[in-house]
Amino acid sequence: MLLITCPHCGPRAELEFSYGGEAHIARPIDPTGLDDEAWATFLYKRSNPKGVHAERWRHLHGCGRFFNVLRDTISDTIVTTYPAGQPRPALPSDGKENAR
């Protein structure tokens, strides 16, 4: 089981949280102006990288707030968590994980 640190409540068991998809996906400014292909791309196309990935989580059985998690998809290790609305933090590495 993962131990996830909610930026608002502190460390909690994974069972208290709900996965919310990839983080930092900007909604279309005018969704009614999108054709079916563009709308499908917005809804379903995600990066699914091997390595550090920015994810959105919700502390469902706690404060109820959304926040972001940088998680390594290879080791399932959580690198860091940060409040929603903040930019993705830089990682102390060669920058490959932060290319997005």
PDB file of N, CA and C in Angstrom:
ATOM      1  N   MET A   1       0.844  -1.175   0.000  1.00  0.00           N
ATOM      2  CA  MET A   1       0.000   0.000   0.000  1.00  0.00           C
ATOM      3  C   MET A   1       0.890   1.238   0.000  1.00  0.00           C
ATOM      4  N   LEU A   2       0.477   2.234  -0.777  1.00  0.00           N
ATOM      5  CA  LEU A   2       1.204   3.499  -0.824  1.00  0.00           C
ATOM      6  C   LEU A   2       0.842   4.375   0.371  1.00  0.00           C
ATOM      7  N   LEU A   3       1.796   5.145   0.806  1.00  0.00           N
ATOM      8  CA  LEU A   3       1.550   6.193   1.792  1.00  0.00           C
ATOM      9  C   LEU A   3       1.635   7.499   1.015  1.00  0.00           C
ATOM     10  N   ILE A   4       0.515   8.183   0.908  1.00  0.00           N
ATOM     11  CA  ILE A   4       0.435   9.417   0.116  1.00  0.00           C
ATOM     12  C   ILE A   4       0.334  10.596   1.075  1.00  0.00           C
ATOM     13  N   THR A   5       1.172  11.603   0.845  1.00  0.00           N
ATOM     14  CA  THR A   5       1.146  12.797   1.680  1.00  0.00           C
ATOM     15  C   THR A   5       0.250  13.842   1.038  1.00  0.00           C
ATOM     16  N   CYS A   6      -0.922  14.032   1.610  1.00  0.00           N
ATOM     17  CA  CYS A   6      -1.812  15.103   1.163  1.00  0.00           C
ATOM     18  C   CYS A   6      -1.165  16.425   1.585  1.00  0.00           C
ATOM     19  N   PRO A   7      -1.031  17.394   0.671  1.00  0.00           N
ATOM     20  CA  PRO A   7      -0.415  18.664   1.051  1.00  0.00           C
ATOM     21  C   PRO A   7      -1.233  19.454   2.071  1.00  0.00           C
ATOM     22  N   HIS A   8      -2.470  19.039   2.306  1.00  0.00           N
ATOM     23  CA  HIS A   8      -3.340  19.743   3.236  1.00  0.00           C
ATOM     24  C   HIS A   8      -3.526  18.995   4.562  1.00  0.00           C
ATOM     25  N   CYS A   9      -3.410  17.653   4.537  1.00  0.00           N
ATOM     26  CA  CYS A   9      -3.697  16.837   5.732  1.00  0.00           C
ATOM     27  C   CYS A   9      -2.509  16.020   6.229  1.00  0.00           C
ATOM     28  N   GLY A  10      -1.460  15.882   5.424  1.00  0.00           N
ATOM     29  CA  GLY A  10      -0.321  15.071   5.815  1.00  0.00           C
ATOM     30  C   GLY A  10      -0.412  13.646   5.283  1.00  0.00           C
ATOM     31  N   PRO A  11       0.492  12.768   5.736  1.00  0.00           N
ATOM     32  CA  PRO A  11       0.553  11.394   5.227  1.00  0.00           C
ATOM     33  C   PRO A  11      -0.690  10.578   5.606  1.00  0.00           C
ATOM     34  N   ARG A  12      -1.222   9.853   4.615  1.00  0.00           N
ATOM     35  CA  ARG A  12      -2.386   9.001   4.825  1.00  0.00           C
ATOM     36  C   ARG A  12      -2.247   7.758   3.945  1.00  0.00           C
ATOM     37  N   ALA A  13      -3.005   6.719   4.274  1.00  0.00           N
ATOM     38  CA  ALA A  13      -3.001   5.484   3.492  1.00  0.00           C
ATOM     39  C   ALA A  13      -3.652   5.711   2.127  1.00  0.00           C
ATOM     40  N   GLU A  14      -3.178   4.988   1.154  1.00  0.00           N
ATOM     41  CA  GLU A  14      -3.674   5.087  -0.223  1.00  0.00           C
ATOM     42  C   GLU A  14      -5.192   4.893  -0.312  1.00  0.00           C
ATOM     43  N   LEU A  15      -5.769   4.132   0.583  1.00  0.00           N
ATOM     44  CA  LEU A  15      -7.203   3.842   0.564  1.00  0.00           C
ATOM     45  C   LEU A  15      -8.068   5.086   0.733  1.00  0.00           C
ATOM     46  N   GLU A  16      -7.500   6.173   1.264  1.00  0.00           N
ATOM     47  CA  GLU A  16      -8.261   7.413   1.466  1.00  0.00           C
ATOM     48  C   GLU A  16      -8.361   8.257   0.194  1.00  0.00           C
ATOM     49  N   PHE A  17      -7.664   7.863  -0.865  1.00  0.00           N
ATOM     50  CA  PHE A  17      -7.531   8.704  -2.040  1.00  0.00           C
ATOM     51  C   PHE A  17      -8.171   8.083  -3.270  1.00  0.00           C
ATOM     52  N   SER A  18      -8.458   8.941  -4.236  1.00  0.00           N
ATOM     53  CA  SER A  18      -8.996   8.515  -5.518  1.00  0.00           C
ATOM     54  C   SER A  18      -8.144   9.135  -6.623  1.00  0.00           C
ATOM     55  N   TYR A  19      -7.722   8.308  -7.575  1.00  0.00           N
ATOM     56  CA  TYR A  19      -6.914   8.758  -8.702  1.00  0.00           C
ATOM     57  C   TYR A  19      -7.766   9.601  -9.638  1.00  0.00           C
ATOM     58  N   GLY A  20      -7.212  10.709 -10.112  1.00  0.00           N
ATOM     59  CA  GLY A  20      -7.978  11.611 -10.960  1.00  0.00           C
ATOM     60  C   GLY A  20      -7.404  11.823 -12.342  1.00  0.00           C
ATOM     61  N   GLY A  21      -6.450  11.009 -12.763  1.00  0.00           N
ATOM     62  CA  GLY A  21      -5.898  11.138 -14.113  1.00  0.00           C
ATOM     63  C   GLY A  21      -4.622  11.953 -14.147  1.00  0.00           C
ATOM     64  N   GLU A  22      -4.185  12.252 -15.348  1.00  0.00           N
ATOM     65  CA  GLU A  22      -2.954  13.013 -15.561  1.00  0.00           C
ATOM     66  C   GLU A  22      -3.146  14.465 -15.115  1.00  0.00           C
ATOM     67  N   ALA A  23      -2.140  15.013 -14.468  1.00  0.00           N
ATOM     68  CA  ALA A  23      -2.197  16.407 -14.001  1.00  0.00           C
ATOM     69  C   ALA A  23      -1.802  17.372 -15.116  1.00  0.00           C
ATOM     70  N   HIS A  24      -2.157  18.614 -14.931  1.00  0.00           N
ATOM     71  CA  HIS A  24      -1.768  19.728 -15.801  1.00  0.00           C
ATOM     72  C   HIS A  24      -2.326  19.611 -17.218  1.00  0.00           C
ATOM     73  N   ILE A  25      -3.524  19.062 -17.349  1.00  0.00           N
ATOM     74  CA  ILE A  25      -4.209  19.012 -18.642  1.00  0.00           C
ATOM     75  C   ILE A  25      -5.128  20.232 -18.709  1.00  0.00           C
ATOM     76  N   ALA A  26      -4.857  21.111 -19.630  1.00  0.00           N
ATOM     77  CA  ALA A  26      -5.651  22.342 -19.750  1.00  0.00           C
ATOM     78  C   ALA A  26      -6.955  22.057 -20.506  1.00  0.00           C
ATOM     79  N   ARG A  27      -8.057  22.520 -19.939  1.00  0.00           N
ATOM     80  CA  ARG A  27      -9.351  22.376 -20.606  1.00  0.00           C
ATOM     81  C   ARG A  27      -9.403  23.309 -21.819  1.00  0.00           C
ATOM     82  N   PRO A  28     -10.133  22.912 -22.861  1.00  0.00           N
ATOM     83  CA  PRO A  28     -10.276  23.799 -24.024  1.00  0.00           C
ATOM     84  C   PRO A  28     -10.994  25.095 -23.621  1.00  0.00           C
ATOM     85  N   ILE A  29     -10.576  26.206 -24.210  1.00  0.00           N
ATOM     86  CA  ILE A  29     -11.206  27.496 -23.913  1.00  0.00           C
ATOM     87  C   ILE A  29     -12.650  27.503 -24.400  1.00  0.00           C
ATOM     88  N   ASP A  30     -12.878  26.945 -25.592  1.00  0.00           N
ATOM     89  CA  ASP A  30     -14.235  26.881 -26.154  1.00  0.00           C
ATOM     90  C   ASP A  30     -14.546  25.440 -26.548  1.00  0.00           C
ATOM     91  N   PRO A  31     -15.021  24.610 -25.605  1.00  0.00           N
ATOM     92  CA  PRO A  31     -15.276  23.201 -25.934  1.00  0.00           C
ATOM     93  C   PRO A  31     -16.311  23.012 -27.037  1.00  0.00           C
ATOM     94  N   THR A  32     -17.249  23.944 -27.187  1.00  0.00           N
ATOM     95  CA  THR A  32     -18.269  23.806 -28.228  1.00  0.00           C
ATOM     96  C   THR A  32     -17.680  23.995 -29.623  1.00  0.00           C
ATOM     97  N   GLY A  33     -16.510  24.599 -29.705  1.00  0.00           N
ATOM     98  CA  GLY A  33     -15.868  24.821 -30.994  1.00  0.00           C
ATOM     99  C   GLY A  33     -15.018  23.644 -31.455  1.00  0.00           C
ATOM    100  N   LEU A  34     -14.897  22.595 -30.653  1.00  0.00           N
ATOM    101  CA  LEU A  34     -14.078  21.450 -31.031  1.00  0.00           C
ATOM    102  C   LEU A  34     -14.875  20.461 -31.872  1.00  0.00           C
ATOM    103  N   ASP A  35     -14.211  19.882 -32.871  1.00  0.00           N
ATOM    104  CA  ASP A  35     -14.854  18.803 -33.610  1.00  0.00           C
ATOM    105  C   ASP A  35     -14.689  17.510 -32.808  1.00  0.00           C
ATOM    106  N   ASP A  36     -15.297  16.438 -33.273  1.00  0.00           N
ATOM    107  CA  ASP A  36     -15.276  15.180 -32.529  1.00  0.00           C
ATOM    108  C   ASP A  36     -13.862  14.658 -32.297  1.00  0.00           C
ATOM    109  N   GLU A  37     -13.003  14.760 -33.292  1.00  0.00           N
ATOM    110  CA  GLU A  37     -11.631  14.262 -33.148  1.00  0.00           C
ATOM    111  C   GLU A  37     -10.855  15.056 -32.100  1.00  0.00           C
ATOM    112  N   ALA A  38     -10.967  16.376 -32.113  1.00  0.00           N
ATOM    113  CA  ALA A  38     -10.280  17.214 -31.133  1.00  0.00           C
ATOM    114  C   ALA A  38     -10.821  16.967 -29.723  1.00  0.00           C
ATOM    115  N   TRP A  39     -12.125  16.782 -29.602  1.00  0.00           N
ATOM    116  CA  TRP A  39     -12.725  16.514 -28.293  1.00  0.00           C
ATOM    117  C   TRP A  39     -12.261  15.160 -27.760  1.00  0.00           C
ATOM    118  N   ALA A  40     -12.227  14.139 -28.623  1.00  0.00           N
ATOM    119  CA  ALA A  40     -11.753  12.810 -28.222  1.00  0.00           C
ATOM    120  C   ALA A  40     -10.285  12.872 -27.804  1.00  0.00           C
ATOM    121  N   THR A  41      -9.480  13.652 -28.502  1.00  0.00           N
ATOM    122  CA  THR A  41      -8.070  13.808 -28.147  1.00  0.00           C
ATOM    123  C   THR A  41      -7.941  14.426 -26.758  1.00  0.00           C
ATOM    124  N   PHE A  42      -8.728  15.466 -26.474  1.00  0.00           N
ATOM    125  CA  PHE A  42      -8.683  16.087 -25.156  1.00  0.00           C
ATOM    126  C   PHE A  42      -9.104  15.101 -24.066  1.00  0.00           C
ATOM    127  N   LEU A  43     -10.142  14.345 -24.299  1.00  0.00           N
ATOM    128  CA  LEU A  43     -10.682  13.451 -23.271  1.00  0.00           C
ATOM    129  C   LEU A  43      -9.839  12.207 -23.024  1.00  0.00           C
ATOM    130  N   TYR A  44      -9.255  11.631 -24.087  1.00  0.00           N
ATOM    131  CA  TYR A  44      -8.686  10.297 -23.949  1.00  0.00           C
ATOM    132  C   TYR A  44      -7.186  10.172 -24.191  1.00  0.00           C
ATOM    133  N   LYS A  45      -6.567  11.071 -24.900  1.00  0.00           N
ATOM    134  CA  LYS A  45      -5.143  10.928 -25.210  1.00  0.00           C
ATOM    135  C   LYS A  45      -4.304  11.439 -24.047  1.00  0.00           C
ATOM    136  N   ARG A  46      -3.531  10.550 -23.459  1.00  0.00           N
ATOM    137  CA  ARG A  46      -2.657  10.903 -22.343  1.00  0.00           C
ATOM    138  C   ARG A  46      -1.260  10.380 -22.620  1.00  0.00           C
ATOM    139  N   SER A  47      -0.276  10.901 -21.904  1.00  0.00           N
ATOM    140  CA  SER A  47       1.118  10.585 -22.201  1.00  0.00           C
ATOM    141  C   SER A  47       1.536   9.190 -21.743  1.00  0.00           C
ATOM    142  N   ASN A  48       1.077   8.722 -20.579  1.00  0.00           N
ATOM    143  CA  ASN A  48       1.399   7.395 -20.054  1.00  0.00           C
ATOM    144  C   ASN A  48       2.891   7.085 -20.125  1.00  0.00           C
ATOM    145  N   PRO A  49       3.749   7.909 -19.513  1.00  0.00           N
ATOM    146  CA  PRO A  49       5.191   7.714 -19.643  1.00  0.00           C
ATOM    147  C   PRO A  49       5.729   6.615 -18.722  1.00  0.00           C
ATOM    148  N   LYS A  50       6.912   6.173 -19.060  1.00  0.00           N
ATOM    149  CA  LYS A  50       7.669   5.279 -18.193  1.00  0.00           C
ATOM    150  C   LYS A  50       8.623   6.178 -17.423  1.00  0.00           C
ATOM    151  N   GLY A  51       8.428   6.267 -16.119  1.00  0.00           N
ATOM    152  CA  GLY A  51       9.243   7.166 -15.297  1.00  0.00           C
ATOM    153  C   GLY A  51       8.360   8.094 -14.486  1.00  0.00           C
ATOM    154  N   VAL A  52       8.883   9.277 -14.175  1.00  0.00           N
ATOM    155  CA  VAL A  52       8.152  10.219 -13.328  1.00  0.00           C
ATOM    156  C   VAL A  52       7.000  10.842 -14.115  1.00  0.00           C
ATOM    157  N   HIS A  53       5.825  10.810 -13.501  1.00  0.00           N
ATOM    158  CA  HIS A  53       4.592  11.225 -14.160  1.00  0.00           C
ATOM    159  C   HIS A  53       3.790  12.101 -13.196  1.00  0.00           C
ATOM    160  N   ALA A  54       3.247  13.210 -13.688  1.00  0.00           N
ATOM    161  CA  ALA A  54       2.414  14.096 -12.860  1.00  0.00           C
ATOM    162  C   ALA A  54       0.980  13.602 -12.910  1.00  0.00           C
ATOM    163  N   GLU A  55       0.417  13.309 -11.721  1.00  0.00           N
ATOM    164  CA  GLU A  55      -0.933  12.779 -11.614  1.00  0.00           C
ATOM    165  C   GLU A  55      -1.780  13.664 -10.715  1.00  0.00           C
ATOM    166  N   ARG A  56      -3.071  13.587 -10.911  1.00  0.00           N
ATOM    167  CA  ARG A  56      -4.023  14.324 -10.076  1.00  0.00           C
ATOM    168  C   ARG A  56      -4.714  13.328  -9.154  1.00  0.00           C
ATOM    169  N   TRP A  57      -4.768  13.630  -7.880  1.00  0.00           N
ATOM    170  CA  TRP A  57      -5.413  12.769  -6.899  1.00  0.00           C
ATOM    171  C   TRP A  57      -6.368  13.603  -6.066  1.00  0.00           C
ATOM    172  N   ARG A  58      -7.355  12.937  -5.455  1.00  0.00           N
ATOM    173  CA  ARG A  58      -8.293  13.608  -4.565  1.00  0.00           C
ATOM    174  C   ARG A  58      -8.292  12.891  -3.223  1.00  0.00           C
ATOM    175  N   HIS A  59      -8.200  13.650  -2.148  1.00  0.00           N
ATOM    176  CA  HIS A  59      -8.248  13.078  -0.801  1.00  0.00           C
ATOM    177  C   HIS A  59      -9.719  12.869  -0.455  1.00  0.00           C
ATOM    178  N   LEU A  60     -10.275  11.816  -0.999  1.00  0.00           N
ATOM    179  CA  LEU A  60     -11.697  11.533  -0.936  1.00  0.00           C
ATOM    180  C   LEU A  60     -12.213  11.378   0.489  1.00  0.00           C
ATOM    181  N   HIS A  61     -11.506  10.624   1.327  1.00  0.00           N
ATOM    182  CA  HIS A  61     -11.944  10.358   2.703  1.00  0.00           C
ATOM    183  C   HIS A  61     -11.167  11.221   3.698  1.00  0.00           C
ATOM    184  N   GLY A  62     -10.914  12.446   3.311  1.00  0.00           N
ATOM    185  CA  GLY A  62     -10.208  13.404   4.164  1.00  0.00           C
ATOM    186  C   GLY A  62     -10.741  14.789   3.863  1.00  0.00           C
ATOM    187  N   CYS A  63      -9.873  15.673   3.408  1.00  0.00           N
ATOM    188  CA  CYS A  63     -10.270  17.060   3.146  1.00  0.00           C
ATOM    189  C   CYS A  63     -11.108  17.212   1.880  1.00  0.00           C
ATOM    190  N   GLY A  64     -11.094  16.189   0.997  1.00  0.00           N
ATOM    191  CA  GLY A  64     -11.887  16.237  -0.229  1.00  0.00           C
ATOM    192  C   GLY A  64     -11.261  17.058  -1.339  1.00  0.00           C
ATOM    193  N   ARG A  65     -10.043  17.556  -1.127  1.00  0.00           N
ATOM    194  CA  ARG A  65      -9.418  18.441  -2.106  1.00  0.00           C
ATOM    195  C   ARG A  65      -8.567  17.662  -3.114  1.00  0.00           C
ATOM    196  N   PHE A  66      -8.458  18.236  -4.314  1.00  0.00           N
ATOM    197  CA  PHE A  66      -7.562  17.696  -5.331  1.00  0.00           C
ATOM    198  C   PHE A  66      -6.159  18.235  -5.104  1.00  0.00           C
ATOM    199  N   PHE A  67      -5.168  17.440  -5.463  1.00  0.00           N
ATOM    200  CA  PHE A  67      -3.771  17.865  -5.420  1.00  0.00           C
ATOM    201  C   PHE A  67      -3.008  17.046  -6.457  1.00  0.00           C
ATOM    202  N   ASN A  68      -1.757  17.398  -6.688  1.00  0.00           N
ATOM    203  CA  ASN A  68      -0.948  16.720  -7.688  1.00  0.00           C
ATOM    204  C   ASN A  68       0.138  15.880  -7.030  1.00  0.00           C
ATOM    205  N   VAL A  69       0.497  14.813  -7.715  1.00  0.00           N
ATOM    206  CA  VAL A  69       1.508  13.869  -7.241  1.00  0.00           C
ATOM    207  C   VAL A  69       2.493  13.617  -8.373  1.00  0.00           C
ATOM    208  N   LEU A  70       3.789  13.667  -8.077  1.00  0.00           N
ATOM    209  CA  LEU A  70       4.792  13.179  -9.021  1.00  0.00           C
ATOM    210  C   LEU A  70       5.116  11.766  -8.578  1.00  0.00           C
ATOM    211  N   ARG A  71       4.784  10.776  -9.443  1.00  0.00           N
ATOM    212  CA  ARG A  71       4.981   9.372  -9.100  1.00  0.00           C
ATOM    213  C   ARG A  71       5.805   8.699 -10.178  1.00  0.00           C
ATOM    214  N   ASP A  72       6.775   7.905  -9.752  1.00  0.00           N
ATOM    215  CA  ASP A  72       7.595   7.134 -10.676  1.00  0.00           C
ATOM    216  C   ASP A  72       6.809   5.878 -11.045  1.00  0.00           C
ATOM    217  N   THR A  73       6.439   5.754 -12.313  1.00  0.00           N
ATOM    218  CA  THR A  73       5.610   4.629 -12.736  1.00  0.00           C
ATOM    219  C   THR A  73       6.398   3.320 -12.803  1.00  0.00           C
ATOM    220  N   ILE A  74       7.708   3.389 -12.762  1.00  0.00           N
ATOM    221  CA  ILE A  74       8.517   2.168 -12.781  1.00  0.00           C
ATOM    222  C   ILE A  74       8.552   1.522 -11.398  1.00  0.00           C
ATOM    223  N   SER A  75       8.840   2.326 -10.385  1.00  0.00           N
ATOM    224  CA  SER A  75       8.985   1.805  -9.019  1.00  0.00           C
ATOM    225  C   SER A  75       7.737   2.023  -8.162  1.00  0.00           C
ATOM    226  N   ASP A  76       6.757   2.760  -8.668  1.00  0.00           N
ATOM    227  CA  ASP A  76       5.547   3.129  -7.934  1.00  0.00           C
ATOM    228  C   ASP A  76       5.885   3.959  -6.688  1.00  0.00           C
ATOM    229  N   THR A  77       6.970   4.703  -6.760  1.00  0.00           N
ATOM    230  CA  THR A  77       7.412   5.566  -5.675  1.00  0.00           C
ATOM    231  C   THR A  77       6.876   6.971  -5.884  1.00  0.00           C
ATOM    232  N   ILE A  78       6.357   7.562  -4.822  1.00  0.00           N
ATOM    233  CA  ILE A  78       5.895   8.940  -4.896  1.00  0.00           C
ATOM    234  C   ILE A  78       7.086   9.854  -4.626  1.00  0.00           C
ATOM    235  N   VAL A  79       7.383  10.712  -5.600  1.00  0.00           N
ATOM    236  CA  VAL A  79       8.519  11.627  -5.507  1.00  0.00           C
ATOM    237  C   VAL A  79       8.138  12.824  -4.646  1.00  0.00           C
ATOM    238  N   THR A  80       6.988  13.433  -4.926  1.00  0.00           N
ATOM    239  CA  THR A  80       6.516  14.587  -4.151  1.00  0.00           C
ATOM    240  C   THR A  80       5.030  14.808  -4.418  1.00  0.00           C
ATOM    241  N   THR A  81       4.404  15.569  -3.542  1.00  0.00           N
ATOM    242  CA  THR A  81       3.020  16.012  -3.742  1.00  0.00           C
ATOM    243  C   THR A  81       2.998  17.532  -3.616  1.00  0.00           C
ATOM    244  N   TYR A  82       2.022  18.158  -4.265  1.00  0.00           N
ATOM    245  CA  TYR A  82       1.901  19.610  -4.209  1.00  0.00           C
ATOM    246  C   TYR A  82       0.464  20.009  -4.526  1.00  0.00           C
ATOM    247  N   PRO A  83       0.017  21.165  -4.016  1.00  0.00           N
ATOM    248  CA  PRO A  83      -1.375  21.585  -4.217  1.00  0.00           C
ATOM    249  C   PRO A  83      -1.724  21.786  -5.695  1.00  0.00           C
ATOM    250  N   ALA A  84      -2.973  21.525  -6.029  1.00  0.00           N
ATOM    251  CA  ALA A  84      -3.464  21.787  -7.381  1.00  0.00           C
ATOM    252  C   ALA A  84      -3.342  23.273  -7.668  1.00  0.00           C
ATOM    253  N   GLY A  85      -3.066  23.599  -8.909  1.00  0.00           N
ATOM    254  CA  GLY A  85      -2.923  24.996  -9.293  1.00  0.00           C
ATOM    255  C   GLY A  85      -1.490  25.493  -9.260  1.00  0.00           C
ATOM    256  N   GLN A  86      -0.601  24.741  -8.617  1.00  0.00           N
ATOM    257  CA  GLN A  86       0.808  25.111  -8.610  1.00  0.00           C
ATOM    258  C   GLN A  86       1.521  24.420  -9.764  1.00  0.00           C
ATOM    259  N   PRO A  87       2.584  25.041 -10.298  1.00  0.00           N
ATOM    260  CA  PRO A  87       3.308  24.398 -11.393  1.00  0.00           C
ATOM    261  C   PRO A  87       4.046  23.148 -10.913  1.00  0.00           C
ATOM    262  N   ARG A  88       4.314  22.278 -11.846  1.00  0.00           N
ATOM    263  CA  ARG A  88       5.064  21.062 -11.538  1.00  0.00           C
ATOM    264  C   ARG A  88       6.449  21.437 -11.035  1.00  0.00           C
ATOM    265  N   PRO A  89       6.859  20.907  -9.870  1.00  0.00           N
ATOM    266  CA  PRO A  89       8.182  21.247  -9.340  1.00  0.00           C
ATOM    267  C   PRO A  89       9.295  20.622 -10.175  1.00  0.00           C
ATOM    268  N   ALA A  90      10.427  21.298 -10.217  1.00  0.00           N
ATOM    269  CA  ALA A  90      11.598  20.776 -10.915  1.00  0.00           C
ATOM    270  C   ALA A  90      12.181  19.634 -10.109  1.00  0.00           C
ATOM    271  N   LEU A  91      12.708  18.653 -10.803  1.00  0.00           N
ATOM    272  CA  LEU A  91      13.341  17.514 -10.153  1.00  0.00           C
ATOM    273  C   LEU A  91      14.858  17.671 -10.196  1.00  0.00           C
ATOM    274  N   PRO A  92      15.542  17.252  -9.157  1.00  0.00           N
ATOM    275  CA  PRO A  92      17.010  17.313  -9.171  1.00  0.00           C
ATOM    276  C   PRO A  92      17.563  16.189 -10.032  1.00  0.00           C
ATOM    277  N   SER A  93      17.542  16.380 -11.360  1.00  0.00           N
ATOM    278  CA  SER A  93      18.002  15.345 -12.286  1.00  0.00           C
ATOM    279  C   SER A  93      18.498  16.009 -13.554  1.00  0.00           C
ATOM    280  N   ASP A  94      18.550  15.228 -14.620  1.00  0.00           N
ATOM    281  CA  ASP A  94      19.012  15.768 -15.895  1.00  0.00           C
ATOM    282  C   ASP A  94      17.906  16.495 -16.648  1.00  0.00           C
ATOM    283  N   GLY A  95      16.693  16.574 -16.089  1.00  0.00           N
ATOM    284  CA  GLY A  95      15.608  17.336 -16.698  1.00  0.00           C
ATOM    285  C   GLY A  95      14.732  16.536 -17.634  1.00  0.00           C
ATOM    286  N   LYS A  96      15.065  15.273 -17.904  1.00  0.00           N
ATOM    287  CA  LYS A  96      14.249  14.482 -18.834  1.00  0.00           C
ATOM    288  C   LYS A  96      12.832  14.278 -18.324  1.00  0.00           C
ATOM    289  N   GLU A  97      12.672  14.079 -17.007  1.00  0.00           N
ATOM    290  CA  GLU A  97      11.347  13.849 -16.474  1.00  0.00           C
ATOM    291  C   GLU A  97      10.485  15.108 -16.522  1.00  0.00           C
ATOM    292  N   ASN A  98      11.108  16.257 -16.591  1.00  0.00           N
ATOM    293  CA  ASN A  98      10.391  17.533 -16.545  1.00  0.00           C
ATOM    294  C   ASN A  98      10.164  18.120 -17.930  1.00  0.00           C
ATOM    295  N   ALA A  99      10.295  17.305 -18.948  1.00  0.00           N
ATOM    296  CA  ALA A  99      10.208  17.806 -20.326  1.00  0.00           C
ATOM    297  C   ALA A  99       8.818  18.296 -20.693  1.00  0.00           C
ATOM    298  N   ARG A 100       7.787  17.857 -20.001  1.00  0.00           N
ATOM    299  CA  ARG A 100       6.419  18.245 -20.354  1.00  0.00           C
ATOM    300  C   ARG A 100       6.090  19.596 -19.860  1.00  0.00           C
TER     301      ARG A 100
END
